[in-house]
């Protein structure tokens, strides 16, 4: 069996997959999808870069690990490889759902999975008529959103956005109208306005890993990656939030598996990172003053990790850089502040386990730095085993 790693550029995840495959004794074929020209005609297909012919290489592949990071490119590449007769992890049917937050919420809704109340209005804030006249819809859109959610806080987000970009919180009507005006049609928000009720999640959200190998029952990893901070309602790590591990109650693991089954319906192999929040605005374990103090201490310890992460030597000697990264995370996790916050997290999750809502599903999660070294989940191993199970 031949396994191909389809990628755009060699980031730490891709280099980590290569390193893991070497340690497992698995041969991977590397296919730089972003640089290849694919042509089709009545004779067949051809795949070439400027200096190399990949046609025979692609023909010989059985399974594709699709690690193209752009959502649009990943959706196209999955469908293309399937049409060439390859098994793809994850397949295009899954990518189609995960590409869109609305489609993901509809999948959760139809499978009775808890999620934030979601409203989609297929109309842009400003439209241009055939005669060139500008029609402003922001007031009507705001009214429709408030009619569904009320005068409470409302979150506006791009349908295909990532890393917390362009997610805006509206605390009153004036802010809501202003935020709607800021939404322009784009590749990550092609048509209309997507909004959700604001979830009082305290200081963290959870990234939960679920996967299924062919012929085996779905599995949810017992630890989650918790991303936390008090500076912003968005807890994405790209916005500077800290990371911790937290044990998941069995009830949440079972619900996460239900999410995976719903998203992966019809596929024998799948891998997801699910993002979830706890509705615990009034059920807090400690006061925010103490929590802020502990987060501050943890942030100081995390500076050493950030310094290693920014080290450009990873492209020259990835193995050596990776060893330094692992050591820095071990030191961070050994601090008292980390342990204190982990304890708070786990008590909060256990207390609020029946109030969880799932708000996103990632079909190509980043993992080598945070998920692997905090939650102990090397998705490279999972991806390779899933690929091997397909034959």
Protein backbone atom coordinates (compact mmCIF):
# COMPACT_ATOMS: atom_id res chain seq x y z
CA UNK A 1 0.00 0.00 0.00
CA UNK A 2 1.25 3.48 -0.90
CA UNK A 3 0.29 6.48 1.27
CA UNK A 4 0.58 10.02 -0.06
CA UNK A 5 0.89 13.18 2.02
CA UNK A 6 -0.81 16.00 0.14
CA UNK A 7 0.24 19.41 1.45
CA UNK A 8 0.66 23.05 0.47
CA UNK A 9 3.87 23.86 2.33
CA UNK A 10 5.98 22.03 4.90
CA UNK A 11 4.80 23.44 8.24
CA UNK A 12 5.43 21.79 11.63
CA UNK A 13 2.42 19.47 11.23
CA UNK A 14 3.66 18.16 7.90
CA UNK A 15 7.23 17.82 9.15
CA UNK A 16 5.82 16.03 12.21
CA UNK A 17 3.92 13.59 10.02
CA UNK A 18 7.12 12.85 8.10
CA UNK A 19 9.10 12.33 11.33
CA UNK A 20 6.38 10.07 12.79
CA UNK A 21 6.20 8.01 9.61
CA UNK A 22 9.97 7.50 9.71
CA UNK A 23 9.76 6.31 13.33
CA UNK A 24 6.90 3.95 12.41
CA UNK A 25 8.81 2.58 9.43
CA UNK A 26 6.13 3.79 7.02
CA UNK A 27 7.02 5.12 3.58
CA UNK A 28 5.20 8.31 2.66
CA UNK A 29 5.07 9.90 -0.76
CA UNK A 30 5.12 13.68 -0.58
CA UNK A 31 2.93 15.57 -3.03
CA UNK A 32 3.17 19.41 -2.95
CA UNK A 33 -0.38 20.00 -4.16
CA UNK A 34 -0.19 23.78 -4.36
CA UNK A 35 2.61 23.69 -6.94
CA UNK A 36 1.21 21.00 -9.26
CA UNK A 37 -0.65 21.46 -12.52
CA UNK A 38 -3.37 18.81 -12.96
CA UNK A 39 -4.71 18.35 -16.49
CA UNK A 40 -7.43 16.00 -17.72
CA UNK A 41 -8.47 14.95 -21.23
CA UNK A 42 -9.97 11.94 -23.00
CA UNK A 43 -6.67 10.07 -22.71
CA UNK A 44 -6.24 10.43 -18.95
CA UNK A 45 -4.67 12.89 -16.53
CA UNK A 46 -1.30 14.50 -16.03
CA UNK A 47 0.24 16.01 -12.88
CA UNK A 48 3.35 18.18 -13.21
CA UNK A 49 5.31 20.90 -11.48
CA UNK A 50 7.70 23.13 -13.36
CA UNK A 51 10.54 20.68 -12.83
CA UNK A 52 8.96 17.29 -12.08
CA UNK A 53 6.33 14.93 -13.47
CA UNK A 54 4.10 13.58 -10.68
CA UNK A 55 1.71 11.63 -12.91
CA UNK A 56 3.11 8.15 -12.19
CA UNK A 57 3.68 9.07 -8.53
CA UNK A 58 0.02 10.00 -8.08
CA UNK A 59 -1.16 6.97 -10.06
CA UNK A 60 0.68 4.63 -7.69
CA UNK A 61 -0.87 6.08 -4.52
CA UNK A 62 -3.62 4.18 -2.72
CA UNK A 63 -4.47 6.51 0.16
CA UNK A 64 -4.14 10.28 0.55
CA UNK A 65 -3.59 12.15 3.80
CA UNK A 66 -5.09 15.48 2.79
CA UNK A 67 -3.18 18.18 4.69
CA UNK A 68 -3.78 21.11 2.35
CA UNK A 69 -4.51 23.92 4.81
CA UNK A 70 -6.68 26.20 2.69
CA UNK A 71 -10.30 25.05 3.09
CA UNK A 72 -11.14 25.69 -0.55
CA UNK A 73 -7.99 23.97 -1.76
CA UNK A 74 -8.61 21.03 0.59
CA UNK A 75 -12.15 20.56 -0.71
CA UNK A 76 -10.96 20.64 -4.33
CA UNK A 77 -8.01 18.34 -3.68
CA UNK A 78 -10.16 15.75 -1.87
CA UNK A 79 -12.67 15.61 -4.72
CA UNK A 80 -9.92 15.51 -7.34
CA UNK A 81 -8.09 12.63 -5.66
CA UNK A 82 -11.31 10.67 -5.22
CA UNK A 83 -12.05 11.03 -8.93
CA UNK A 84 -8.57 9.64 -9.57
CA UNK A 85 -9.58 6.56 -7.56
CA UNK A 86 -7.79 7.37 -4.30
CA UNK A 87 -9.07 6.91 -0.77
CA UNK A 88 -8.80 10.24 1.00
CA UNK A 89 -8.66 11.12 4.70
CA UNK A 90 -10.91 13.02 5.12
CA UNK A 91 -13.09 12.53 2.01
CA UNK A 92 -14.73 15.41 0.15
CA UNK A 93 -18.19 14.69 1.61
CA UNK A 94 -16.75 15.42 5.06
CA UNK A 95 -14.79 18.44 3.82
CA UNK A 96 -17.99 19.85 2.34
CA UNK A 97 -19.66 19.84 5.76
CA UNK A 98 -16.67 21.04 7.79
CA UNK A 99 -15.89 23.79 5.28
CA UNK A 100 -19.00 25.68 6.42
CA UNK A 101 -20.01 26.55 9.98
CA UNK A 102 -23.65 26.63 8.88
CA UNK A 103 -23.49 23.17 7.31
CA UNK A 104 -21.77 21.87 10.45
CA UNK A 105 -24.50 23.34 12.68
CA UNK A 106 -27.18 21.85 10.44
CA UNK A 107 -25.48 18.46 10.77
CA UNK A 108 -25.47 18.80 14.57
CA UNK A 109 -29.08 20.01 14.61
CA UNK A 110 -30.35 17.09 12.52
CA UNK A 111 -28.56 14.66 14.85
CA UNK A 112 -29.75 16.22 18.15
CA UNK A 113 -26.27 17.40 19.14
CA UNK A 114 -26.19 20.54 21.35
CA UNK A 115 -24.94 23.68 19.57
CA UNK A 116 -25.39 27.47 19.89
CA UNK A 117 -28.56 28.88 18.38
CA UNK A 118 -27.59 29.84 14.84
CA UNK A 119 -29.19 32.24 12.36
CA UNK A 120 -28.30 32.56 8.69
CA UNK A 121 -29.61 35.43 6.57
CA UNK A 122 -28.70 34.98 2.86
CA UNK A 123 -28.45 38.68 2.18
CA UNK A 124 -25.47 41.05 2.24
CA UNK A 125 -25.37 44.23 4.31
CA UNK A 126 -25.14 46.31 1.12
CA UNK A 127 -26.43 45.21 -2.27
CA UNK A 128 -26.20 46.90 -5.68
CA UNK A 129 -29.18 46.82 -8.02
CA UNK A 130 -28.94 46.49 -11.80
CA UNK A 131 -29.26 50.25 -12.04
CA UNK A 132 -26.30 50.75 -9.72
CA UNK A 133 -28.35 51.84 -6.71
CA UNK A 134 -27.02 50.85 -3.26
CA UNK A 135 -29.53 49.06 -1.05
CA UNK A 136 -28.60 49.04 2.64
CA UNK A 137 -29.90 46.03 4.57
CA UNK A 138 -28.01 46.25 7.87
CA UNK A 139 -30.98 47.58 9.84
CA UNK A 140 -33.34 44.86 8.63
CA UNK A 141 -30.69 42.18 9.20
CA UNK A 142 -30.09 43.42 12.75
CA UNK A 143 -33.83 43.35 13.40
CA UNK A 144 -34.14 39.77 12.17
CA UNK A 145 -31.22 38.67 14.35
CA UNK A 146 -32.59 40.36 17.45
CA UNK A 147 -36.03 38.89 16.79
CA UNK A 148 -34.48 35.41 17.03
CA UNK A 149 -31.84 35.92 19.73
CA UNK A 150 -33.28 38.90 21.59
CA UNK A 151 -31.44 41.97 22.80
CA UNK A 152 -28.70 39.82 24.34
CA UNK A 153 -25.16 39.67 23.01
CA UNK A 154 -24.87 38.34 19.46
CA UNK A 155 -21.81 36.87 17.75
CA UNK A 156 -21.24 37.49 14.03
CA UNK A 157 -18.80 35.13 12.32
CA UNK A 158 -17.67 34.28 8.76
CA UNK A 159 -19.08 30.98 7.56
CA UNK A 160 -15.69 29.54 6.54
CA UNK A 161 -13.39 31.54 8.81
CA UNK A 162 -10.54 30.14 10.92
CA UNK A 163 -8.31 31.17 13.81
CA UNK A 164 -10.95 33.50 15.28
CA UNK A 165 -10.64 35.97 12.38
CA UNK A 166 -13.50 38.42 11.83
CA UNK A 167 -15.56 36.99 14.70
CA UNK A 168 -17.30 39.97 16.31
CA UNK A 169 -19.33 40.35 19.48
CA UNK A 170 -22.24 42.79 19.53
CA UNK A 171 -23.39 43.94 22.97
CA UNK A 172 -26.14 46.28 21.75
CA UNK A 173 -28.01 47.21 18.58
CA UNK A 174 -25.59 49.96 17.55
CA UNK A 175 -22.65 47.54 17.73
CA UNK A 176 -24.69 44.91 15.91
CA UNK A 177 -25.48 47.24 13.00
CA UNK A 178 -21.84 48.38 12.84
CA UNK A 179 -20.57 44.78 12.83
CA UNK A 180 -23.03 43.79 10.10
CA UNK A 181 -21.78 46.74 8.00
CA UNK A 182 -18.22 45.40 8.38
CA UNK A 183 -19.10 42.03 6.80
CA UNK A 184 -18.20 42.09 3.12
CA UNK A 185 -18.64 39.18 0.68
CA UNK A 186 -15.38 37.22 0.62
CA UNK A 187 -13.93 33.77 0.13
CA UNK A 188 -14.57 32.97 3.81
CA UNK A 189 -18.03 34.53 3.86
CA UNK A 190 -19.40 34.38 0.31
CA UNK A 191 -23.05 35.29 0.85
CA UNK A 192 -25.06 36.69 3.72
CA UNK A 193 -24.70 36.96 7.48
CA UNK A 194 -24.12 34.12 9.95
CA UNK A 195 -24.77 34.80 13.63
CA UNK A 196 -25.01 32.84 16.88
CA UNK A 197 -26.15 33.40 20.42
CA UNK A 198 -23.32 34.39 22.73
CA UNK A 199 -22.28 31.53 25.04
CA UNK A 200 -21.01 32.55 28.48
CA UNK A 201 -18.20 30.01 28.54
CA UNK A 202 -16.14 31.53 31.35
CA UNK A 203 -12.44 31.54 30.32
CA UNK A 204 -11.93 28.48 28.11
CA UNK A 205 -13.13 26.29 25.29
CA UNK A 206 -12.22 22.71 24.39
CA UNK A 207 -10.70 21.01 21.39
CA UNK A 208 -11.73 17.35 21.42
CA UNK A 209 -10.22 14.73 19.11
CA UNK A 210 -12.37 11.91 17.71
CA UNK A 211 -11.43 9.43 15.02
CA UNK A 212 -12.38 6.14 13.43
CA UNK A 213 -10.23 3.48 11.80
CA UNK A 214 -11.85 1.13 9.33
CA UNK A 215 -13.32 -1.92 11.08
CA UNK A 216 -13.04 -0.36 14.55
CA UNK A 217 -15.40 1.58 16.79
CA UNK A 218 -15.04 5.38 16.89
CA UNK A 219 -12.78 6.69 19.63
CA UNK A 220 -12.66 9.95 21.56
CA UNK A 221 -9.36 10.82 23.20
CA UNK A 222 -9.81 11.04 27.00
CA UNK A 223 -7.95 14.36 27.24
CA UNK A 224 -8.95 17.61 25.56
CA UNK A 225 -6.88 20.63 24.65
CA UNK A 226 -8.28 23.53 26.67
CA UNK A 227 -7.57 27.00 25.30
CA UNK A 228 -8.00 29.76 27.82
CA UNK A 229 -7.66 33.41 28.71
CA UNK A 230 -9.64 36.37 30.03
CA UNK A 231 -8.58 39.01 27.51
CA UNK A 232 -11.02 38.14 24.72
CA UNK A 233 -14.25 36.18 24.33
CA UNK A 234 -12.48 34.30 21.52
CA UNK A 235 -10.17 31.68 23.03
CA UNK A 236 -8.32 30.65 19.88
CA UNK A 237 -4.58 30.16 20.46
CA UNK A 238 -3.79 32.38 17.47
CA UNK A 239 -5.10 35.28 19.54
CA UNK A 240 -2.55 34.65 22.28
CA UNK A 241 -4.45 32.36 24.62
CA UNK A 242 -2.77 29.70 26.75
CA UNK A 243 -3.16 25.94 26.42
CA UNK A 244 -3.84 23.27 29.04
CA UNK A 245 -4.93 19.63 29.09
CA UNK A 246 -8.14 18.54 30.76
CA UNK A 247 -9.69 15.14 31.41
CA UNK A 248 -13.07 14.62 29.72
CA UNK A 249 -16.02 13.01 31.52
CA UNK A 250 -17.39 9.91 29.82
CA UNK A 251 -20.63 11.73 28.98
CA UNK A 252 -18.76 14.31 26.90
CA UNK A 253 -16.65 11.64 25.19
CA UNK A 254 -19.79 9.78 24.16
CA UNK A 255 -21.37 12.96 22.83
CA UNK A 256 -18.18 13.78 20.90
CA UNK A 257 -18.30 10.34 19.30
CA UNK A 258 -21.91 11.05 18.32
CA UNK A 259 -20.64 14.23 16.62
CA UNK A 260 -18.01 12.24 14.75
CA UNK A 261 -20.56 9.68 13.57
CA UNK A 262 -22.86 12.45 12.34
CA UNK A 263 -20.12 14.28 10.44
CA UNK A 264 -18.53 11.10 9.07
CA UNK A 265 -21.73 9.31 8.12
CA UNK A 266 -21.04 7.06 5.14
CA UNK A 267 -17.26 7.12 5.65
CA UNK A 268 -15.41 4.17 7.16
CA UNK A 269 -12.46 6.31 8.27
CA UNK A 270 -12.44 9.86 9.64
CA UNK A 271 -10.53 12.23 11.93
CA UNK A 272 -11.99 15.38 13.54
CA UNK A 273 -11.07 18.07 16.01
CA UNK A 274 -14.29 19.28 17.62
CA UNK A 275 -14.51 22.68 19.29
CA UNK A 276 -16.88 22.94 22.24
CA UNK A 277 -17.89 25.37 24.98
CA UNK A 278 -19.47 24.97 28.40
CA UNK A 279 -22.50 27.07 29.31
CA UNK A 280 -21.26 27.92 32.78
CA UNK A 281 -21.68 31.68 33.19
CA UNK A 282 -22.87 31.36 36.80
CA UNK A 283 -21.31 28.05 37.77
CA UNK A 284 -17.69 29.08 38.37
CA UNK A 285 -15.21 27.29 40.60
CA UNK A 286 -13.03 30.28 41.61
CA UNK A 287 -13.34 34.04 41.24
CA UNK A 288 -11.85 35.77 38.22
CA UNK A 289 -9.29 37.70 40.32
CA UNK A 290 -7.61 34.49 41.47
CA UNK A 291 -7.93 32.98 37.99
CA UNK A 292 -6.35 36.04 36.38
CA UNK A 293 -3.43 35.80 38.80
CA UNK A 294 -2.82 32.13 37.96
CA UNK A 295 -3.15 32.76 34.22
CA UNK A 296 -0.58 35.54 34.55
CA UNK A 297 1.87 33.17 36.24
CA UNK A 298 1.26 30.52 33.58
CA UNK A 299 1.79 33.10 30.83
CA UNK A 300 5.23 33.95 32.21
CA UNK A 301 6.21 30.27 32.09
CA UNK A 302 4.82 29.99 28.57
CA UNK A 303 7.19 32.66 27.26
CA UNK A 304 9.95 30.03 26.99
CA UNK A 305 7.64 27.91 24.81
CA UNK A 306 6.85 30.88 22.55
CA UNK A 307 10.55 31.57 22.11
CA UNK A 308 11.19 28.02 20.88
CA UNK A 309 8.12 28.09 18.63
CA UNK A 310 9.44 31.21 16.93
CA UNK A 311 12.91 29.70 16.37
CA UNK A 312 13.53 29.57 12.61
CA UNK A 313 15.96 26.66 13.00
CA UNK A 314 13.01 24.24 12.77
CA UNK A 315 13.23 24.36 8.98
CA UNK A 316 16.94 23.45 9.04
CA UNK A 317 16.98 20.77 11.75
CA UNK A 318 13.43 19.83 12.63
CA UNK A 319 14.35 16.91 14.89
CA UNK A 320 16.63 19.05 17.06
CA UNK A 321 14.11 21.89 17.21
CA UNK A 322 11.34 19.44 18.09
CA UNK A 323 13.35 18.10 21.04
CA UNK A 324 13.75 21.65 22.38
CA UNK A 325 10.03 22.27 21.92
CA UNK A 326 9.11 19.09 23.82
CA UNK A 327 11.38 20.09 26.72
CA UNK A 328 9.90 23.60 26.90
CA UNK A 329 6.35 22.21 27.07
CA UNK A 330 7.34 19.72 29.77
CA UNK A 331 8.73 22.57 31.87
CA UNK A 332 5.58 24.63 31.31
CA UNK A 333 3.28 21.76 32.35
CA UNK A 334 5.36 21.18 35.50
CA UNK A 335 4.63 24.65 36.93
CA UNK A 336 2.26 25.11 39.86
CA UNK A 337 0.17 27.62 37.92
CA UNK A 338 -0.40 25.12 35.11
CA UNK A 339 -1.43 22.43 37.58
CA UNK A 340 -3.75 24.82 39.44
CA UNK A 341 -5.51 25.91 36.24
CA UNK A 342 -5.78 22.30 35.05
CA UNK A 343 -7.50 21.44 38.34
CA UNK A 344 -9.92 24.36 37.92
CA UNK A 345 -10.65 23.31 34.34
CA UNK A 346 -11.39 19.71 35.18
CA UNK A 347 -13.68 20.61 38.07
CA UNK A 348 -15.51 23.12 35.87
CA UNK A 349 -15.91 20.61 33.05
CA UNK A 350 -17.19 17.91 35.39
CA UNK A 351 -19.63 20.32 37.04
CA UNK A 352 -20.94 21.59 33.70
CA UNK A 353 -20.68 18.40 31.62
CA UNK A 354 -24.40 18.47 30.80
CA UNK A 355 -24.17 22.04 29.46
CA UNK A 356 -21.69 21.53 26.64
CA UNK A 357 -22.33 22.88 23.14
CA UNK A 358 -20.30 22.05 20.03
CA UNK A 359 -19.64 24.98 17.71
CA UNK A 360 -17.14 23.81 15.09
CA UNK A 361 -15.60 20.74 13.48
CA UNK A 362 -12.12 20.86 11.95
CA UNK A 363 -11.28 18.22 9.35
CA UNK A 364 -7.58 19.15 9.14
CA UNK A 365 -6.56 20.24 12.64
CA UNK A 366 -3.17 21.61 13.56
CA UNK A 367 -1.68 19.32 16.17
CA UNK A 368 2.11 19.01 16.36
CA UNK A 369 2.73 21.78 18.87
CA UNK A 370 -0.30 22.18 21.15
CA UNK A 371 -2.49 19.09 20.76
CA UNK A 372 0.44 16.68 20.82
CA UNK A 373 2.50 18.23 23.61
CA UNK A 374 -0.33 19.36 25.87
CA UNK A 375 -3.07 16.76 25.39
CA UNK A 376 -0.69 13.95 24.41
CA UNK A 377 -2.36 13.29 21.05
CA UNK A 378 -0.04 12.72 18.09
CA UNK A 379 -2.49 12.94 15.22
CA UNK A 380 0.28 11.94 12.83
CA UNK A 381 0.12 8.43 14.30
CA UNK A 382 -3.68 8.47 14.11
CA UNK A 383 -3.70 9.61 10.47
CA UNK A 384 -1.18 6.98 9.39
CA UNK A 385 -3.03 4.19 11.22
CA UNK A 386 -6.32 5.32 9.68
CA UNK A 387 -4.69 5.21 6.23
CA UNK A 388 -3.29 1.74 6.86
CA UNK A 389 -6.71 0.50 7.97
CA UNK A 390 -8.29 1.34 4.61
CA UNK A 391 -6.68 -1.66 2.89
